[in-house]
């Protein structure tokens, strides 16, 4: 008779020792970004504080009660917290830490898609960039828009990540999920970015802080919000709005969705497809005589 271990090896599932909830959570968070770890740890701690039992003792009724307790927070935040809990329980089940996935029976709440509210018109993006008086900040804003890079990817860029391509250039992003992608940029964008180099070495930051290191997310957020305010834009504008604008505007100009997906580094095509739904080119409403 085969042992349980040999059966697991044949099915491709190998048990990993997780002797406690704390160790399980550490294993689940392994390889995630610092920002993601901080958010997930806070979400899981909130859940464990509420249920008051170990993960092995969690029942569906506990999950449902926790879900009910989140009724007073924003829908997106509630969905994020529950997604984190369900992800941990799925991971625990795969490891054999739990006999079955109790979280599978809890559906995630539906939330309103607010993407359209965060897509700035093309002329507005250009106005935000043009009105920025500081050279580094103006190039940063342009680069966020032109490259479609995530703010974390742009902040971490070194000069070795930028390569000339004729009169234009190419940027190499190392991004979400540990994936690398190469994004060509226009002649004008390349010229403006190159002007920041000023003798910097290959391992120095492209977008330097006042102290000479890399800009961090909070600094870029302040730069973006100040630029948006200067341009008369209301709302909580963030660096990610430039990424949304890149995707939406390039699709409006006829760029294939598959190319937008590759440029932005989306793992799934339906993520990129959201931009079509957020800014449709046609609808039955346009056929009415009103």
Protein backbone atom coordinates (compact mmCIF):
# COMPACT_ATOMS: atom_id res chain seq x y z
CA UNK A 1 0.00 0.00 0.00
CA UNK A 2 1.31 3.41 -0.93
CA UNK A 3 2.05 5.81 1.85
CA UNK A 4 0.15 9.08 2.08
CA UNK A 5 3.39 10.92 1.36
CA UNK A 6 4.10 9.05 -1.89
CA UNK A 7 0.53 9.71 -3.02
CA UNK A 8 0.99 13.41 -2.39
CA UNK A 9 4.23 13.39 -4.39
CA UNK A 10 2.49 11.68 -7.33
CA UNK A 11 -0.24 14.32 -7.37
CA UNK A 12 2.32 17.11 -7.23
CA UNK A 13 1.23 18.27 -3.77
CA UNK A 14 4.03 18.16 -1.21
CA UNK A 15 3.19 18.99 2.42
CA UNK A 16 5.11 21.85 4.00
CA UNK A 17 5.44 22.12 7.74
CA UNK A 18 3.48 24.98 9.27
CA UNK A 19 3.40 24.35 12.97
CA UNK A 20 1.49 27.46 14.03
CA UNK A 21 -0.78 30.21 12.76
CA UNK A 22 2.12 32.65 12.98
CA UNK A 23 4.38 30.43 10.86
CA UNK A 24 1.58 29.84 8.37
CA UNK A 25 1.04 33.58 7.91
CA UNK A 26 4.79 34.14 7.44
CA UNK A 27 4.87 31.47 4.73
CA UNK A 28 1.78 32.96 3.05
CA UNK A 29 3.34 36.43 2.98
CA UNK A 30 6.68 35.21 1.67
CA UNK A 31 7.83 36.99 -1.53
CA UNK A 32 5.05 39.57 -1.36
CA UNK A 33 6.00 43.24 -1.51
CA UNK A 34 6.50 45.17 1.72
CA UNK A 35 3.39 47.24 1.07
CA UNK A 36 1.29 44.13 0.43
CA UNK A 37 2.67 42.41 3.52
CA UNK A 38 1.77 45.37 5.73
CA UNK A 39 -1.78 45.55 4.35
CA UNK A 40 -2.39 41.78 4.55
CA UNK A 41 -0.96 41.48 8.05
CA UNK A 42 -3.28 44.23 9.26
CA UNK A 43 -6.28 42.56 7.59
CA UNK A 44 -5.49 39.13 9.02
CA UNK A 45 -4.83 40.51 12.49
CA UNK A 46 -8.20 42.26 12.35
CA UNK A 47 -9.84 38.95 11.46
CA UNK A 48 -8.06 36.92 14.16
CA UNK A 49 -8.80 39.53 16.81
CA UNK A 50 -12.48 39.32 15.89
CA UNK A 51 -12.89 35.52 15.80
CA UNK A 52 -10.69 34.94 18.86
CA UNK A 53 -9.70 31.40 17.83
CA UNK A 54 -6.85 29.79 15.90
CA UNK A 55 -7.10 29.45 12.12
CA UNK A 56 -7.66 25.68 12.51
CA UNK A 57 -10.79 26.39 14.58
CA UNK A 58 -12.39 28.94 12.23
CA UNK A 59 -15.88 27.97 11.04
CA UNK A 60 -18.06 29.39 8.29
CA UNK A 61 -20.26 31.08 10.90
CA UNK A 62 -17.15 32.92 12.16
CA UNK A 63 -16.40 34.16 8.63
CA UNK A 64 -19.99 35.28 8.14
CA UNK A 65 -20.00 37.13 11.46
CA UNK A 66 -16.72 38.83 10.54
CA UNK A 67 -18.18 39.81 7.17
CA UNK A 68 -21.19 41.36 8.96
CA UNK A 69 -18.84 43.31 11.23
CA UNK A 70 -17.32 45.01 8.17
CA UNK A 71 -20.65 46.45 7.02
CA UNK A 72 -19.68 49.96 8.10
CA UNK A 73 -16.52 50.30 5.98
CA UNK A 74 -16.19 51.14 2.27
CA UNK A 75 -17.16 48.34 -0.13
CA UNK A 76 -13.69 48.17 -1.69
CA UNK A 77 -12.03 47.95 1.72
CA UNK A 78 -14.44 45.25 2.84
CA UNK A 79 -13.74 43.23 -0.29
CA UNK A 80 -9.97 43.64 0.18
CA UNK A 81 -10.08 42.40 3.78
CA UNK A 82 -12.22 39.38 2.92
CA UNK A 83 -10.02 38.60 -0.10
CA UNK A 84 -6.99 38.50 2.18
CA UNK A 85 -8.71 36.13 4.62
CA UNK A 86 -9.93 33.84 1.84
CA UNK A 87 -6.46 33.81 0.29
CA UNK A 88 -4.87 32.75 3.57
CA UNK A 89 -7.42 29.99 4.11
CA UNK A 90 -6.89 28.70 0.57
CA UNK A 91 -3.12 28.66 1.15
CA UNK A 92 -3.60 26.85 4.48
CA UNK A 93 -5.72 24.19 2.77
CA UNK A 94 -3.16 23.62 0.01
CA UNK A 95 -0.48 23.05 2.67
CA UNK A 96 -2.66 20.59 4.56
CA UNK A 97 -2.80 22.92 7.55
CA UNK A 98 -6.60 22.83 7.19
CA UNK A 99 -8.57 19.71 6.18
CA UNK A 100 -10.81 21.75 3.87
CA UNK A 101 -11.18 25.36 2.75
CA UNK A 102 -13.86 26.90 4.95
CA UNK A 103 -13.41 30.23 3.14
CA UNK A 104 -14.58 28.82 -0.20
CA UNK A 105 -18.21 29.07 0.92
CA UNK A 106 -18.02 32.80 1.62
CA UNK A 107 -18.69 34.91 -1.51
CA UNK A 108 -16.92 38.21 -1.95
CA UNK A 109 -19.19 41.27 -2.03
CA UNK A 110 -19.77 42.97 -5.36
CA UNK A 111 -18.46 46.52 -5.63
CA UNK A 112 -19.15 49.37 -8.00
CA UNK A 113 -16.53 49.77 -10.71
CA UNK A 114 -15.30 53.35 -10.30
CA UNK A 115 -12.51 53.16 -12.88
CA UNK A 116 -14.16 55.72 -15.17
CA UNK A 117 -13.95 58.32 -12.39
CA UNK A 118 -10.16 57.95 -12.29
CA UNK A 119 -9.46 58.38 -16.01
CA UNK A 120 -8.43 61.94 -16.77
CA UNK A 121 -9.01 63.39 -20.28
CA UNK A 122 -5.92 63.59 -22.47
CA UNK A 123 -5.78 67.38 -22.49
CA UNK A 124 -6.02 67.45 -18.69
CA UNK A 125 -3.03 65.11 -18.33
CA UNK A 126 -0.99 67.33 -20.64
CA UNK A 127 -2.05 70.41 -18.65
CA UNK A 128 -0.96 68.83 -15.37
CA UNK A 129 2.45 68.05 -16.87
CA UNK A 130 2.89 71.44 -18.57
CA UNK A 131 2.10 73.44 -15.42
CA UNK A 132 4.69 71.64 -13.27
CA UNK A 133 7.56 74.15 -12.73
CA UNK A 134 10.16 71.72 -11.36
CA UNK A 135 12.13 69.86 -14.06
CA UNK A 136 12.50 66.57 -12.21
CA UNK A 137 8.83 66.54 -11.22
CA UNK A 138 7.69 67.46 -14.73
CA UNK A 139 9.74 64.62 -16.24
CA UNK A 140 8.44 62.25 -13.55
CA UNK A 141 4.81 63.10 -14.40
CA UNK A 142 5.47 62.70 -18.11
CA UNK A 143 7.25 59.39 -17.53
CA UNK A 144 4.43 57.98 -15.38
CA UNK A 145 2.02 58.72 -18.21
CA UNK A 146 4.26 57.81 -21.16
CA UNK A 147 5.52 54.49 -19.77
CA UNK A 148 2.39 53.31 -17.95
CA UNK A 149 4.64 52.08 -15.17
CA UNK A 150 3.47 51.43 -11.64
CA UNK A 151 4.69 54.04 -9.18
CA UNK A 152 6.77 51.44 -7.32
CA UNK A 153 8.42 50.41 -10.60
CA UNK A 154 9.22 54.00 -11.56
CA UNK A 155 10.57 54.84 -8.09
CA UNK A 156 12.98 51.90 -8.18
CA UNK A 157 14.45 52.65 -11.63
CA UNK A 158 18.23 52.89 -11.97
CA UNK A 159 19.99 54.29 -15.01
CA UNK A 160 21.05 50.76 -16.00
CA UNK A 161 17.34 50.04 -16.52
CA UNK A 162 17.20 52.57 -19.39
CA UNK A 163 18.71 51.80 -22.79
CA UNK A 164 19.00 53.86 -25.97
CA UNK A 165 17.12 52.68 -29.05
CA UNK A 166 18.17 54.93 -31.91
CA UNK A 167 17.02 58.43 -31.01
CA UNK A 168 14.47 57.04 -28.56
CA UNK A 169 14.84 54.66 -25.64
CA UNK A 170 13.58 51.69 -23.69
CA UNK A 171 12.89 51.15 -20.01
CA UNK A 172 13.10 47.79 -18.25
CA UNK A 173 10.58 47.39 -15.45
CA UNK A 174 10.86 44.67 -12.82
CA UNK A 175 7.37 44.62 -11.44
CA UNK A 176 4.46 42.84 -9.86
CA UNK A 177 4.80 39.08 -9.57
CA UNK A 178 8.55 39.26 -10.16
CA UNK A 179 8.05 39.79 -13.89
CA UNK A 180 10.31 41.80 -16.17
CA UNK A 181 9.01 43.77 -19.14
CA UNK A 182 10.62 46.13 -21.63
CA UNK A 183 8.77 49.29 -22.68
CA UNK A 184 9.97 51.54 -25.54
CA UNK A 185 9.36 55.25 -25.03
CA UNK A 186 9.16 58.08 -27.54
CA UNK A 187 12.02 60.31 -28.72
CA UNK A 188 10.66 63.30 -26.76
CA UNK A 189 10.16 61.34 -23.54
CA UNK A 190 13.62 59.78 -23.85
CA UNK A 191 15.23 63.18 -24.38
CA UNK A 192 13.57 64.66 -21.29
CA UNK A 193 14.45 61.69 -19.07
CA UNK A 194 18.04 61.60 -20.33
CA UNK A 195 18.45 65.25 -19.36
CA UNK A 196 18.16 64.21 -15.69
CA UNK A 197 21.20 61.93 -15.82
CA UNK A 198 23.80 64.66 -15.38
CA UNK A 199 26.74 62.28 -14.89
CA UNK A 200 24.89 59.75 -12.72
CA UNK A 201 26.27 56.22 -12.56
CA UNK A 202 24.38 53.10 -13.74
CA UNK A 203 23.27 52.15 -10.22
CA UNK A 204 22.01 55.59 -9.24
CA UNK A 205 18.32 56.47 -9.17
CA UNK A 206 16.71 57.91 -12.27
CA UNK A 207 14.32 59.98 -10.17
CA UNK A 208 16.39 61.14 -7.23
CA UNK A 209 15.17 62.45 -3.92
CA UNK A 210 16.65 65.64 -2.49
CA UNK A 211 19.15 63.47 -0.62
CA UNK A 212 20.23 61.65 -3.77
CA UNK A 213 18.45 58.34 -3.21
CA UNK A 214 15.33 56.97 -4.86
CA UNK A 215 12.04 58.81 -4.55
CA UNK A 216 9.52 56.85 -2.49
CA UNK A 217 5.81 56.38 -3.14
CA UNK A 218 4.70 58.98 -0.59
CA UNK A 219 6.92 61.62 -2.19
CA UNK A 220 5.55 60.86 -5.66
CA UNK A 221 2.01 61.03 -4.31
CA UNK A 222 2.66 64.51 -2.94
CA UNK A 223 4.17 65.62 -6.26
CA UNK A 224 1.16 64.29 -8.21
CA UNK A 225 -1.41 65.80 -5.88
CA UNK A 226 0.30 69.21 -5.92
CA UNK A 227 0.47 69.12 -9.73
CA UNK A 228 -3.19 68.14 -10.01
CA UNK A 229 -4.21 70.93 -7.62
CA UNK A 230 -2.12 73.41 -9.61
CA UNK A 231 -4.04 72.36 -12.75
CA UNK A 232 -7.40 72.79 -10.99
CA UNK A 233 -8.24 69.09 -10.80
CA UNK A 234 -10.52 68.02 -7.97
CA UNK A 235 -10.46 64.62 -6.34
CA UNK A 236 -7.86 62.42 -4.72
CA UNK A 237 -5.57 62.12 -7.76
CA UNK A 238 -2.82 59.52 -7.35
CA UNK A 239 0.15 58.36 -9.48
CA UNK A 240 -1.91 55.37 -10.61
CA UNK A 241 -4.27 57.75 -12.45
CA UNK A 242 -1.47 58.33 -14.98
CA UNK A 243 -1.32 54.57 -15.60
CA UNK A 244 -5.10 54.53 -16.11
CA UNK A 245 -4.77 57.46 -18.52
CA UNK A 246 -2.00 55.70 -20.46
CA UNK A 247 -4.14 52.61 -20.96
CA UNK A 248 -7.35 54.43 -21.82
CA UNK A 249 -5.82 57.02 -24.15
CA UNK A 250 -3.73 54.48 -26.06
CA UNK A 251 -6.84 52.31 -26.61
CA UNK A 252 -8.77 55.41 -27.73
CA UNK A 253 -6.02 55.99 -30.30
CA UNK A 254 -6.37 52.47 -31.69
CA UNK A 255 -3.70 50.55 -29.78
CA UNK A 256 -4.50 46.80 -29.57
CA UNK A 257 -5.58 45.67 -26.14
CA UNK A 258 -2.98 42.88 -26.22
CA UNK A 259 -0.20 45.47 -26.60
CA UNK A 260 -1.60 47.60 -23.76
CA UNK A 261 -1.72 44.47 -21.62
CA UNK A 262 1.94 43.68 -22.38
CA UNK A 263 3.06 47.28 -21.77
CA UNK A 264 1.28 47.58 -18.43
CA UNK A 265 2.21 44.06 -17.32
CA UNK A 266 -1.33 42.88 -16.68
CA UNK A 267 -1.44 39.14 -16.01
CA UNK A 268 -5.00 38.85 -17.36
CA UNK A 269 -6.52 40.30 -20.51
CA UNK A 270 -9.80 41.06 -18.75
CA UNK A 271 -7.94 43.48 -16.46
CA UNK A 272 -6.96 45.53 -19.50
CA UNK A 273 -10.41 45.07 -21.00
CA UNK A 274 -11.89 47.08 -18.14
CA UNK A 275 -10.74 50.24 -19.92
CA UNK A 276 -13.02 49.46 -22.86
CA UNK A 277 -16.00 49.17 -20.50
CA UNK A 278 -15.02 52.31 -18.59
CA UNK A 279 -14.91 54.43 -21.76
CA UNK A 280 -17.07 52.72 -24.42
CA UNK A 281 -17.05 54.17 -27.93
CA UNK A 282 -20.69 53.50 -28.57
CA UNK A 283 -23.97 52.72 -26.80
CA UNK A 284 -27.67 52.40 -27.59
CA UNK A 285 -28.19 55.72 -25.75
CA UNK A 286 -26.56 57.52 -28.67
CA UNK A 287 -29.18 56.20 -31.08
CA UNK A 288 -32.10 57.95 -29.35
CA UNK A 289 -33.46 61.26 -30.51
CA UNK A 290 -33.05 62.90 -27.13
